[in-house]
Amino acid sequence: MRGLFDIAPYAVAEFENGYAVYKDIFRLTDEIDCEADAYGHAHGFLDEDAAQAEIDAAEQAELEAARYGADADEFPTLAAKAA
């Protein structure tokens, strides 16, 4: 489990009358009333990133398995990436 402030590469900062969540120089959300809610949004983005990384790893494993004519389970490194 992550700590509340462990949100890198995202950042929370004051914006107008509330808070916003940034990634790099891009503001992803704004008009969040509470700083804790802004951190919650950042954790949501991190969860989405992790889920997408798992999907990408599984797709990559399938592509490599198809390329080499085997099941993804036969490649330990590919199966580990997908897990």
N, C-alpha and C. Protein backbone atom coordinates (compact mmCIF):
# COMPACT_ATOMS: atom_id res chain seq x y z
N MET A 1 0.84 -1.18 0.00
CA MET A 1 0.00 0.00 0.00
C MET A 1 0.88 1.24 0.00
N ARG A 2 0.50 2.21 -0.80
CA ARG A 2 1.25 3.46 -0.90
C ARG A 2 0.92 4.40 0.26
N GLY A 3 1.87 5.25 0.56
CA GLY A 3 1.61 6.32 1.52
C GLY A 3 0.79 7.42 0.87
N LEU A 4 0.13 8.24 1.66
CA LEU A 4 -0.73 9.28 1.14
C LEU A 4 0.01 10.22 0.19
N PHE A 5 1.24 10.57 0.52
CA PHE A 5 1.98 11.53 -0.28
C PHE A 5 2.86 10.87 -1.34
N ASP A 6 2.79 9.57 -1.48
CA ASP A 6 3.58 8.83 -2.47
C ASP A 6 2.83 8.79 -3.79
N ILE A 7 2.85 9.93 -4.52
CA ILE A 7 2.03 10.05 -5.73
C ILE A 7 2.86 10.35 -6.98
N ALA A 8 4.18 10.26 -6.90
CA ALA A 8 5.01 10.55 -8.07
C ALA A 8 4.62 9.63 -9.21
N PRO A 9 4.51 10.07 -10.42
CA PRO A 9 4.92 11.33 -11.03
C PRO A 9 3.85 12.42 -11.01
N TYR A 10 2.82 12.27 -10.17
CA TYR A 10 1.77 13.27 -10.07
C TYR A 10 2.10 14.25 -8.96
N ALA A 11 1.45 15.40 -9.00
CA ALA A 11 1.66 16.42 -7.98
C ALA A 11 0.32 17.08 -7.67
N VAL A 12 0.17 17.51 -6.43
CA VAL A 12 -1.01 18.24 -6.00
C VAL A 12 -0.56 19.65 -5.64
N ALA A 13 -1.32 20.65 -6.10
CA ALA A 13 -0.99 22.04 -5.79
C ALA A 13 -2.27 22.86 -5.72
N GLU A 14 -2.18 23.97 -5.03
CA GLU A 14 -3.32 24.88 -4.96
C GLU A 14 -3.57 25.45 -6.35
N PHE A 15 -4.85 25.60 -6.67
CA PHE A 15 -5.23 26.17 -7.96
C PHE A 15 -6.51 26.97 -7.75
N GLU A 16 -6.45 28.24 -8.03
CA GLU A 16 -7.57 29.16 -7.83
C GLU A 16 -8.13 28.98 -6.42
N ASN A 17 -9.36 28.53 -6.26
CA ASN A 17 -9.97 28.40 -4.93
C ASN A 17 -9.95 26.98 -4.40
N GLY A 18 -9.14 26.12 -4.97
CA GLY A 18 -9.09 24.73 -4.52
C GLY A 18 -7.74 24.12 -4.81
N TYR A 19 -7.79 22.87 -5.25
CA TYR A 19 -6.56 22.13 -5.54
C TYR A 19 -6.66 21.49 -6.91
N ALA A 20 -5.51 21.18 -7.47
CA ALA A 20 -5.44 20.53 -8.78
C ALA A 20 -4.40 19.42 -8.73
N VAL A 21 -4.55 18.46 -9.64
CA VAL A 21 -3.59 17.38 -9.79
C VAL A 21 -2.87 17.59 -11.12
N TYR A 22 -1.55 17.53 -11.08
CA TYR A 22 -0.72 17.73 -12.25
C TYR A 22 0.11 16.49 -12.54
N LYS A 23 0.43 16.31 -13.81
CA LYS A 23 1.45 15.34 -14.22
C LYS A 23 2.35 16.09 -15.18
N ASP A 24 3.62 16.14 -14.85
CA ASP A 24 4.57 16.97 -15.58
C ASP A 24 4.06 18.40 -15.54
N ILE A 25 3.82 19.02 -16.67
CA ILE A 25 3.33 20.39 -16.68
C ILE A 25 1.83 20.47 -16.98
N PHE A 26 1.18 19.33 -17.06
CA PHE A 26 -0.23 19.29 -17.45
C PHE A 26 -1.15 19.19 -16.24
N ARG A 27 -2.14 20.05 -16.19
CA ARG A 27 -3.14 20.00 -15.13
C ARG A 27 -4.20 18.98 -15.55
N LEU A 28 -4.36 17.93 -14.76
CA LEU A 28 -5.29 16.86 -15.10
C LEU A 28 -6.68 17.11 -14.53
N THR A 29 -6.74 17.61 -13.33
CA THR A 29 -8.01 17.94 -12.69
C THR A 29 -7.83 19.24 -11.94
N ASP A 30 -8.91 19.93 -11.74
CA ASP A 30 -8.87 21.14 -10.91
C ASP A 30 -10.23 21.29 -10.23
N GLU A 31 -10.37 22.36 -9.52
CA GLU A 31 -11.60 22.64 -8.77
C GLU A 31 -11.92 21.56 -7.75
N ILE A 32 -10.89 20.97 -7.14
CA ILE A 32 -11.08 20.01 -6.07
C ILE A 32 -11.05 20.80 -4.77
N ASP A 33 -12.08 20.64 -3.95
CA ASP A 33 -12.24 21.47 -2.76
C ASP A 33 -11.24 21.16 -1.65
N CYS A 34 -10.88 19.90 -1.50
CA CYS A 34 -10.10 19.46 -0.36
C CYS A 34 -8.76 18.87 -0.83
N GLU A 35 -7.69 19.20 -0.12
CA GLU A 35 -6.38 18.68 -0.49
C GLU A 35 -6.34 17.16 -0.43
N ALA A 36 -6.99 16.58 0.57
CA ALA A 36 -7.02 15.11 0.68
C ALA A 36 -7.74 14.49 -0.51
N ASP A 37 -8.80 15.13 -1.00
CA ASP A 37 -9.49 14.63 -2.19
C ASP A 37 -8.58 14.69 -3.41
N ALA A 38 -7.77 15.74 -3.49
CA ALA A 38 -6.83 15.86 -4.61
C ALA A 38 -5.83 14.71 -4.57
N TYR A 39 -5.34 14.38 -3.37
CA TYR A 39 -4.44 13.23 -3.26
C TYR A 39 -5.16 11.94 -3.62
N GLY A 40 -6.43 11.84 -3.28
CA GLY A 40 -7.23 10.68 -3.67
C GLY A 40 -7.33 10.56 -5.18
N HIS A 41 -7.52 11.69 -5.86
CA HIS A 41 -7.54 11.68 -7.33
C HIS A 41 -6.20 11.23 -7.89
N ALA A 42 -5.10 11.70 -7.31
CA ALA A 42 -3.77 11.31 -7.77
C ALA A 42 -3.57 9.81 -7.60
N HIS A 43 -4.02 9.26 -6.48
CA HIS A 43 -3.91 7.81 -6.26
C HIS A 43 -4.77 7.06 -7.27
N GLY A 44 -5.91 7.62 -7.64
CA GLY A 44 -6.74 7.02 -8.67
C GLY A 44 -6.02 6.95 -10.00
N PHE A 45 -5.33 8.04 -10.34
CA PHE A 45 -4.54 8.04 -11.57
C PHE A 45 -3.43 6.99 -11.52
N LEU A 46 -2.78 6.84 -10.37
CA LEU A 46 -1.74 5.83 -10.22
C LEU A 46 -2.31 4.42 -10.39
N ASP A 47 -3.49 4.19 -9.82
CA ASP A 47 -4.14 2.89 -9.97
C ASP A 47 -4.47 2.61 -11.43
N GLU A 48 -4.96 3.63 -12.14
CA GLU A 48 -5.25 3.47 -13.57
C GLU A 48 -3.97 3.17 -14.35
N ASP A 49 -2.89 3.86 -14.01
CA ASP A 49 -1.60 3.61 -14.68
C ASP A 49 -1.14 2.18 -14.45
N ALA A 50 -1.28 1.68 -13.22
CA ALA A 50 -0.85 0.32 -12.90
C ALA A 50 -1.70 -0.70 -13.65
N ALA A 51 -3.00 -0.48 -13.71
CA ALA A 51 -3.88 -1.39 -14.44
C ALA A 51 -3.53 -1.40 -15.92
N GLN A 52 -3.26 -0.24 -16.48
CA GLN A 52 -2.91 -0.16 -17.90
C GLN A 52 -1.57 -0.84 -18.15
N ALA A 53 -0.63 -0.72 -17.22
CA ALA A 53 0.67 -1.38 -17.38
C ALA A 53 0.51 -2.90 -17.40
N GLU A 54 -0.39 -3.42 -16.57
CA GLU A 54 -0.64 -4.87 -16.58
C GLU A 54 -1.25 -5.32 -17.90
N ILE A 55 -2.19 -4.54 -18.41
CA ILE A 55 -2.82 -4.86 -19.70
C ILE A 55 -1.78 -4.82 -20.80
N ASP A 56 -0.94 -3.78 -20.80
CA ASP A 56 0.11 -3.66 -21.82
C ASP A 56 1.09 -4.83 -21.76
N ALA A 57 1.46 -5.25 -20.55
CA ALA A 57 2.41 -6.36 -20.41
C ALA A 57 1.78 -7.66 -20.92
N ALA A 58 0.51 -7.87 -20.63
CA ALA A 58 -0.16 -9.08 -21.11
C ALA A 58 -0.26 -9.08 -22.63
N GLU A 59 -0.60 -7.93 -23.21
CA GLU A 59 -0.67 -7.83 -24.67
C GLU A 59 0.69 -8.06 -25.31
N GLN A 60 1.73 -7.52 -24.70
CA GLN A 60 3.08 -7.70 -25.22
C GLN A 60 3.49 -9.16 -25.15
N ALA A 61 3.13 -9.83 -24.05
CA ALA A 61 3.44 -11.25 -23.91
C ALA A 61 2.75 -12.06 -25.00
N GLU A 62 1.49 -11.74 -25.28
CA GLU A 62 0.76 -12.45 -26.33
C GLU A 62 1.39 -12.20 -27.70
N LEU A 63 1.78 -10.96 -27.97
CA LEU A 63 2.42 -10.65 -29.26
C LEU A 63 3.73 -11.40 -29.43
N GLU A 64 4.55 -11.41 -28.38
CA GLU A 64 5.83 -12.09 -28.47
C GLU A 64 5.64 -13.60 -28.58
N ALA A 65 4.65 -14.14 -27.86
CA ALA A 65 4.37 -15.57 -27.95
C ALA A 65 3.91 -15.93 -29.36
N ALA A 66 3.06 -15.10 -29.95
CA ALA A 66 2.58 -15.36 -31.31
C ALA A 66 3.74 -15.26 -32.30
N ARG A 67 4.62 -14.32 -32.06
CA ARG A 67 5.76 -14.14 -32.96
C ARG A 67 6.67 -15.36 -32.94
N TYR A 68 6.86 -15.93 -31.77
CA TYR A 68 7.78 -17.06 -31.63
C TYR A 68 7.06 -18.40 -31.67
N GLY A 69 5.74 -18.38 -31.88
CA GLY A 69 4.99 -19.61 -32.04
C GLY A 69 4.84 -20.43 -30.79
N ALA A 70 4.60 -19.81 -29.67
CA ALA A 70 4.43 -20.53 -28.41
C ALA A 70 3.40 -19.80 -27.56
N ASP A 71 3.00 -20.44 -26.48
CA ASP A 71 2.10 -19.80 -25.52
C ASP A 71 2.91 -18.85 -24.65
N ALA A 72 2.25 -17.83 -24.17
CA ALA A 72 2.92 -16.87 -23.30
C ALA A 72 3.43 -17.53 -22.03
N ASP A 73 2.75 -18.60 -21.59
CA ASP A 73 3.18 -19.30 -20.37
C ASP A 73 4.51 -20.01 -20.55
N GLU A 74 4.90 -20.30 -21.78
CA GLU A 74 6.16 -20.98 -22.02
C GLU A 74 7.36 -20.06 -21.89
N PHE A 75 7.11 -18.74 -21.89
CA PHE A 75 8.17 -17.77 -21.71
C PHE A 75 8.10 -17.25 -20.29
N PRO A 76 8.97 -17.68 -19.40
CA PRO A 76 8.89 -17.25 -18.00
C PRO A 76 8.97 -15.74 -17.84
N THR A 77 9.79 -15.09 -18.63
CA THR A 77 9.91 -13.65 -18.48
C THR A 77 8.64 -12.95 -18.94
N LEU A 78 8.00 -13.47 -19.96
CA LEU A 78 6.77 -12.87 -20.45
C LEU A 78 5.63 -13.11 -19.46
N ALA A 79 5.57 -14.32 -18.92
CA ALA A 79 4.52 -14.62 -17.95
C ALA A 79 4.69 -13.76 -16.70
N ALA A 80 5.94 -13.51 -16.31
CA ALA A 80 6.19 -12.67 -15.13
C ALA A 80 5.76 -11.23 -15.40
N LYS A 81 6.00 -10.75 -16.61
CA LYS A 81 5.58 -9.39 -16.95
C LYS A 81 4.07 -9.26 -16.91
N ALA A 82 3.38 -10.29 -17.37
CA ALA A 82 1.92 -10.26 -17.44
C ALA A 82 1.28 -10.40 -16.07
N ALA A 83 1.99 -11.00 -15.13
CA ALA A 83 1.41 -11.23 -13.79
C ALA A 83 1.44 -9.99 -12.94
